[in-house]
Amino acid sequence: MEGPSLPRLLVLTSLLSCTTNQASLTVSPNSSQFFRWKSVSLSCEEDDSSAGWTLRRNTTRETRTQCGAGWGRSAGSSCNISYLDPVDSGVYWCESREGATSNTIKITVTGGPVILQSPVLPVMEGHDVTLHCKTKTPPSNLPAGFYKDGSLIRTEPTGHMTIHHVNKSDEGLYKCDISGRGESPS
């Protein structure tokens, strides 16, 4: 006689895999505004190079195109644009094969005579930020007026302004103006 059958314990396991691969987009030189015909290098600084990060952009003419497909020269997870043009203005980011994305950076290219050089990445509260008003032709340290949201903040004799210990109230749209030379994009 057989004994009572014992219930079978069935254990199901599943493997949950989460990826933490991240990339950070960096720009060299570190600016969000550029003069036409200048060059720029964009790099996907990767935690894991196996993720296969590609640099992409959205401009007024194209959406989600990758470096090397009609613009830029791809070099691994970097992209070099030798001669910038206003049509290169737009939003840039890194994207992995799996669809993960990095931070985005907005780049403005102007054919005008003045740009406002400012850091491209978000600034941490409490840090100092220096804005430089640059002309296309030397000298580049001319007196400049700095504006936030259309209102003059102040005029600086050497063409640069430092905002000390930035906080939320410093957020806004900035531009600069050099008398006799012109105004930067915002």
C-alpha atoms as a PDB file:
ATOM      1  CA  MET A   1       0.000   0.000   0.000  1.00  0.00           C
ATOM      2  CA  GLU A   2       1.320   3.345  -0.951  1.00  0.00           C
ATOM      3  CA  GLY A   3       1.357   6.168   1.512  1.00  0.00           C
ATOM      4  CA  PRO A   4      -0.425   9.435   0.973  1.00  0.00           C
ATOM      5  CA  SER A   5       1.000  11.392  -1.868  1.00  0.00           C
ATOM      6  CA  LEU A   6       2.925  14.412  -0.760  1.00  0.00           C
ATOM      7  CA  PRO A   7       2.134  17.680  -2.454  1.00  0.00           C
ATOM      8  CA  ARG A   8       4.881  18.834  -4.743  1.00  0.00           C
ATOM      9  CA  LEU A   9       6.357  22.197  -4.152  1.00  0.00           C
ATOM     10  CA  LEU A  10       6.886  23.966  -7.393  1.00  0.00           C
ATOM     11  CA  VAL A  11       9.193  26.971  -7.246  1.00  0.00           C
ATOM     12  CA  LEU A  12       9.099  29.431 -10.065  1.00  0.00           C
ATOM     13  CA  THR A  13      11.898  31.887 -10.348  1.00  0.00           C
ATOM     14  CA  SER A  14      12.277  34.741 -12.722  1.00  0.00           C
ATOM     15  CA  LEU A  15      15.278  36.850 -13.313  1.00  0.00           C
ATOM     16  CA  LEU A  16      14.606  40.549 -13.322  1.00  0.00           C
ATOM     17  CA  SER A  17      17.363  42.439 -15.019  1.00  0.00           C
ATOM     18  CA  CYS A  18      17.665  46.170 -14.636  1.00  0.00           C
ATOM     19  CA  THR A  19      20.256  48.114 -16.545  1.00  0.00           C
ATOM     20  CA  THR A  20      21.809  51.179 -15.064  1.00  0.00           C
ATOM     21  CA  ASN A  21      23.882  52.038 -18.119  1.00  0.00           C
ATOM     22  CA  GLN A  22      24.015  55.776 -18.350  1.00  0.00           C
ATOM     23  CA  ALA A  23      25.770  58.237 -20.573  1.00  0.00           C
ATOM     24  CA  SER A  24      26.361  61.899 -20.123  1.00  0.00           C
ATOM     25  CA  LEU A  25      26.649  64.161 -23.162  1.00  0.00           C
ATOM     26  CA  THR A  26      29.570  66.585 -23.017  1.00  0.00           C
ATOM     27  CA  VAL A  27      30.434  69.388 -25.423  1.00  0.00           C
ATOM     28  CA  SER A  28      33.866  70.800 -26.223  1.00  0.00           C
ATOM     29  CA  PRO A  29      34.288  73.724 -26.141  1.00  0.00           C
ATOM     30  CA  ASN A  30      31.825  73.952 -23.247  1.00  0.00           C
ATOM     31  CA  SER A  31      29.260  76.376 -24.663  1.00  0.00           C
ATOM     32  CA  SER A  32      25.667  76.314 -25.836  1.00  0.00           C
ATOM     33  CA  GLN A  33      26.204  79.026 -28.490  1.00  0.00           C
ATOM     34  CA  PHE A  34      28.646  78.929 -31.397  1.00  0.00           C
ATOM     35  CA  PHE A  35      29.636  81.095 -34.335  1.00  0.00           C
ATOM     36  CA  ARG A  36      29.032  79.758 -37.836  1.00  0.00           C
ATOM     37  CA  TRP A  37      32.044  77.860 -39.301  1.00  0.00           C
ATOM     38  CA  LYS A  38      33.449  76.975 -35.863  1.00  0.00           C
ATOM     39  CA  SER A  39      33.920  73.344 -34.827  1.00  0.00           C
ATOM     40  CA  VAL A  40      32.519  71.350 -31.912  1.00  0.00           C
ATOM     41  CA  SER A  41      33.069  67.901 -30.455  1.00  0.00           C
ATOM     42  CA  LEU A  42      30.237  66.058 -28.683  1.00  0.00           C
ATOM     43  CA  SER A  43      30.946  62.947 -26.613  1.00  0.00           C
ATOM     44  CA  CYS A  44      28.848  60.331 -24.869  1.00  0.00           C
ATOM     45  CA  GLU A  45      30.721  59.778 -21.614  1.00  0.00           C
ATOM     46  CA  GLU A  46      29.689  56.219 -20.826  1.00  0.00           C
ATOM     47  CA  ASP A  47      29.396  54.094 -17.700  1.00  0.00           C
ATOM     48  CA  ASP A  48      29.375  51.002 -19.913  1.00  0.00           C
ATOM     49  CA  SER A  49      30.873  51.116 -23.397  1.00  0.00           C
ATOM     50  CA  SER A  50      29.036  47.912 -24.352  1.00  0.00           C
ATOM     51  CA  ALA A  51      25.733  49.816 -24.408  1.00  0.00           C
ATOM     52  CA  GLY A  52      26.592  51.182 -27.868  1.00  0.00           C
ATOM     53  CA  TRP A  53      25.767  54.860 -27.432  1.00  0.00           C
ATOM     54  CA  THR A  54      25.025  56.904 -30.548  1.00  0.00           C
ATOM     55  CA  LEU A  55      24.802  60.666 -30.797  1.00  0.00           C
ATOM     56  CA  ARG A  56      21.483  61.959 -32.191  1.00  0.00           C
ATOM     57  CA  ARG A  57      19.876  65.327 -32.780  1.00  0.00           C
ATOM     58  CA  ASN A  58      16.625  67.113 -33.578  1.00  0.00           C
ATOM     59  CA  THR A  59      16.843  70.275 -35.673  1.00  0.00           C
ATOM     60  CA  THR A  60      14.235  72.241 -37.608  1.00  0.00           C
ATOM     61  CA  ARG A  61      15.122  70.126 -40.668  1.00  0.00           C
ATOM     62  CA  GLU A  62      15.481  66.630 -39.215  1.00  0.00           C
ATOM     63  CA  THR A  63      14.374  64.443 -36.325  1.00  0.00           C
ATOM     64  CA  ARG A  64      16.397  61.796 -34.447  1.00  0.00           C
ATOM     65  CA  THR A  65      19.156  61.608 -37.048  1.00  0.00           C
ATOM     66  CA  GLN A  66      22.438  60.131 -35.916  1.00  0.00           C
ATOM     67  CA  CYS A  67      25.943  61.487 -36.297  1.00  0.00           C
ATOM     68  CA  GLY A  68      27.453  60.550 -39.651  1.00  0.00           C
ATOM     69  CA  ALA A  69      24.069  60.440 -41.423  1.00  0.00           C
ATOM     70  CA  GLY A  70      24.436  63.717 -43.308  1.00  0.00           C
ATOM     71  CA  TRP A  71      26.056  65.623 -40.443  1.00  0.00           C
ATOM     72  CA  GLY A  72      29.166  65.261 -38.297  1.00  0.00           C
ATOM     73  CA  ARG A  73      31.945  62.692 -38.324  1.00  0.00           C
ATOM     74  CA  SER A  74      31.423  59.774 -35.972  1.00  0.00           C
ATOM     75  CA  ALA A  75      34.343  58.466 -33.916  1.00  0.00           C
ATOM     76  CA  GLY A  76      33.075  55.749 -31.585  1.00  0.00           C
ATOM     77  CA  SER A  77      30.764  57.403 -29.093  1.00  0.00           C
ATOM     78  CA  SER A  78      31.920  60.894 -30.129  1.00  0.00           C
ATOM     79  CA  CYS A  79      30.887  63.169 -32.968  1.00  0.00           C
ATOM     80  CA  ASN A  80      32.867  66.004 -34.503  1.00  0.00           C
ATOM     81  CA  ILE A  81      31.268  68.790 -36.504  1.00  0.00           C
ATOM     82  CA  SER A  82      34.022  70.677 -38.325  1.00  0.00           C
ATOM     83  CA  TYR A  83      32.043  73.578 -39.767  1.00  0.00           C
ATOM     84  CA  LEU A  84      28.936  74.562 -37.841  1.00  0.00           C
ATOM     85  CA  ASP A  85      26.033  76.209 -39.642  1.00  0.00           C
ATOM     86  CA  PRO A  86      22.820  77.714 -38.246  1.00  0.00           C
ATOM     87  CA  VAL A  87      20.957  74.593 -39.535  1.00  0.00           C
ATOM     88  CA  ASP A  88      22.966  72.632 -36.912  1.00  0.00           C
ATOM     89  CA  SER A  89      21.055  74.480 -34.165  1.00  0.00           C
ATOM     90  CA  GLY A  90      18.943  72.045 -32.192  1.00  0.00           C
ATOM     91  CA  VAL A  91      18.800  69.500 -29.381  1.00  0.00           C
ATOM     92  CA  TYR A  92      21.514  66.822 -29.065  1.00  0.00           C
ATOM     93  CA  TRP A  93      21.608  63.646 -26.943  1.00  0.00           C
ATOM     94  CA  CYS A  94      23.123  60.161 -26.650  1.00  0.00           C
ATOM     95  CA  GLU A  95      20.971  57.085 -27.193  1.00  0.00           C
ATOM     96  CA  SER A  96      21.830  53.431 -26.516  1.00  0.00           C
ATOM     97  CA  ARG A  97      20.853  50.439 -28.656  1.00  0.00           C
ATOM     98  CA  GLU A  98      18.235  49.648 -26.000  1.00  0.00           C
ATOM     99  CA  GLY A  99      16.731  53.147 -26.277  1.00  0.00           C
ATOM    100  CA  ALA A 100      18.131  54.655 -23.062  1.00  0.00           C
ATOM    101  CA  THR A 101      18.936  58.346 -23.394  1.00  0.00           C
ATOM    102  CA  SER A 102      21.358  60.808 -21.824  1.00  0.00           C
ATOM    103  CA  ASN A 103      20.821  64.408 -20.860  1.00  0.00           C
ATOM    104  CA  THR A 104      19.916  66.711 -23.755  1.00  0.00           C
ATOM    105  CA  ILE A 105      21.859  69.790 -24.772  1.00  0.00           C
ATOM    106  CA  LYS A 106      20.496  72.664 -26.841  1.00  0.00           C
ATOM    107  CA  ILE A 107      23.032  74.173 -29.223  1.00  0.00           C
ATOM    108  CA  THR A 108      22.527  77.458 -31.068  1.00  0.00           C
ATOM    109  CA  VAL A 109      24.682  78.392 -34.080  1.00  0.00           C
ATOM    110  CA  THR A 110      24.573  81.972 -35.296  1.00  0.00           C
ATOM    111  CA  GLY A 111      25.896  83.832 -38.296  1.00  0.00           C
ATOM    112  CA  GLY A 112      25.679  86.984 -36.182  1.00  0.00           C
ATOM    113  CA  PRO A 113      28.587  88.896 -34.641  1.00  0.00           C
ATOM    114  CA  VAL A 114      28.008  88.115 -30.911  1.00  0.00           C
ATOM    115  CA  ILE A 115      27.428  84.994 -28.797  1.00  0.00           C
ATOM    116  CA  LEU A 116      26.828  84.405 -25.098  1.00  0.00           C
ATOM    117  CA  GLN A 117      29.114  81.646 -23.852  1.00  0.00           C
ATOM    118  CA  SER A 118      27.596  79.843 -20.899  1.00  0.00           C
ATOM    119  CA  PRO A 119      27.955  76.324 -19.476  1.00  0.00           C
ATOM    120  CA  VAL A 120      25.808  73.798 -21.341  1.00  0.00           C
ATOM    121  CA  LEU A 121      24.936  71.532 -18.435  1.00  0.00           C
ATOM    122  CA  PRO A 122      22.518  72.381 -15.622  1.00  0.00           C
ATOM    123  CA  VAL A 123      24.272  74.247 -12.846  1.00  0.00           C
ATOM    124  CA  MET A 124      24.094  73.081  -9.246  1.00  0.00           C
ATOM    125  CA  GLU A 125      22.473  75.461  -6.786  1.00  0.00           C
ATOM    126  CA  GLY A 126      25.090  77.366  -4.801  1.00  0.00           C
ATOM    127  CA  HIS A 127      27.744  77.235  -7.550  1.00  0.00           C
ATOM    128  CA  ASP A 128      29.114  80.253  -9.432  1.00  0.00           C
ATOM    129  CA  VAL A 129      28.374  80.686 -13.151  1.00  0.00           C
ATOM    130  CA  THR A 130      30.333  82.946 -15.483  1.00  0.00           C
ATOM    131  CA  LEU A 131      28.789  84.241 -18.710  1.00  0.00           C
ATOM    132  CA  HIS A 132      31.066  85.558 -21.480  1.00  0.00           C
ATOM    133  CA  CYS A 133      29.896  87.917 -24.201  1.00  0.00           C
ATOM    134  CA  LYS A 134      32.089  87.144 -27.223  1.00  0.00           C
ATOM    135  CA  THR A 135      32.515  88.845 -30.582  1.00  0.00           C
ATOM    136  CA  LYS A 136      33.367  86.988 -33.767  1.00  0.00           C
ATOM    137  CA  THR A 137      36.368  89.218 -34.398  1.00  0.00           C
ATOM    138  CA  PRO A 138      38.885  90.418 -31.784  1.00  0.00           C
ATOM    139  CA  PRO A 139      38.932  91.970 -29.322  1.00  0.00           C
ATOM    140  CA  SER A 140      36.534  89.800 -27.377  1.00  0.00           C
ATOM    141  CA  ASN A 141      36.743  91.498 -23.964  1.00  0.00           C
ATOM    142  CA  LEU A 142      34.641  94.550 -24.826  1.00  0.00           C
ATOM    143  CA  PRO A 143      32.104  96.120 -22.432  1.00  0.00           C
ATOM    144  CA  ALA A 144      28.831  94.200 -22.606  1.00  0.00           C
ATOM    145  CA  GLY A 145      25.308  94.544 -21.300  1.00  0.00           C
ATOM    146  CA  PHE A 146      23.797  91.365 -19.830  1.00  0.00           C
ATOM    147  CA  TYR A 147      20.040  90.745 -19.930  1.00  0.00           C
ATOM    148  CA  LYS A 148      17.782  88.258 -18.186  1.00  0.00           C
ATOM    149  CA  ASP A 149      14.299  87.715 -19.599  1.00  0.00           C
ATOM    150  CA  GLY A 150      14.651  90.923 -21.656  1.00  0.00           C
ATOM    151  CA  SER A 151      15.664  93.225 -18.770  1.00  0.00           C
ATOM    152  CA  LEU A 152      19.160  94.650 -18.348  1.00  0.00           C
ATOM    153  CA  ILE A 153      20.903  93.176 -15.304  1.00  0.00           C
ATOM    154  CA  ARG A 154      24.113  95.149 -15.583  1.00  0.00           C
ATOM    155  CA  THR A 155      26.932  96.231 -17.884  1.00  0.00           C
ATOM    156  CA  GLU A 156      30.376  94.713 -17.389  1.00  0.00           C
ATOM    157  CA  PRO A 157      33.522  96.471 -18.683  1.00  0.00           C
ATOM    158  CA  THR A 158      35.390  93.250 -19.564  1.00  0.00           C
ATOM    159  CA  GLY A 159      32.554  91.380 -21.298  1.00  0.00           C
ATOM    160  CA  HIS A 160      31.980  88.727 -18.652  1.00  0.00           C
ATOM    161  CA  MET A 161      29.625  88.455 -15.720  1.00  0.00           C
ATOM    162  CA  THR A 162      29.698  86.020 -12.803  1.00  0.00           C
ATOM    163  CA  ILE A 163      26.536  85.035 -10.970  1.00  0.00           C
ATOM    164  CA  HIS A 164      27.611  83.969  -7.484  1.00  0.00           C
ATOM    165  CA  HIS A 165      25.872  81.159  -5.594  1.00  0.00           C
ATOM    166  CA  VAL A 166      23.137  80.597  -8.186  1.00  0.00           C
ATOM    167  CA  ASN A 167      19.670  79.668  -7.002  1.00  0.00           C
ATOM    168  CA  LYS A 168      16.222  79.085  -8.490  1.00  0.00           C
ATOM    169  CA  SER A 169      15.599  82.822  -8.898  1.00  0.00           C
ATOM    170  CA  ASP A 170      18.523  83.023 -11.365  1.00  0.00           C
ATOM    171  CA  GLU A 171      16.760  80.755 -13.867  1.00  0.00           C
ATOM    172  CA  GLY A 172      15.788  82.551 -17.046  1.00  0.00           C
ATOM    173  CA  LEU A 173      16.645  83.443 -20.624  1.00  0.00           C
ATOM    174  CA  TYR A 174      19.940  85.313 -20.887  1.00  0.00           C
ATOM    175  CA  LYS A 175      21.513  87.329 -23.695  1.00  0.00           C
ATOM    176  CA  CYS A 176      24.194  89.981 -24.058  1.00  0.00           C
ATOM    177  CA  ASP A 177      24.826  93.065 -26.154  1.00  0.00           C
ATOM    178  CA  ILE A 178      28.059  94.759 -27.188  1.00  0.00           C
ATOM    179  CA  SER A 179      27.572  98.360 -28.305  1.00  0.00           C
ATOM    180  CA  GLY A 180      28.454  98.794 -31.960  1.00  0.00           C
ATOM    181  CA  ARG A 181      28.882  95.023 -32.474  1.00  0.00           C
ATOM    182  CA  GLY A 182      25.452  93.505 -31.883  1.00  0.00           C
ATOM    183  CA  GLU A 183      23.406  91.212 -29.680  1.00  0.00           C
ATOM    184  CA  SER A 184      23.728  87.498 -28.945  1.00  0.00           C
ATOM    185  CA  PRO A 185      20.890  85.002 -29.361  1.00  0.00           C
ATOM    186  CA  SER A 186      19.004  84.359 -26.100  1.00  0.00           C
END
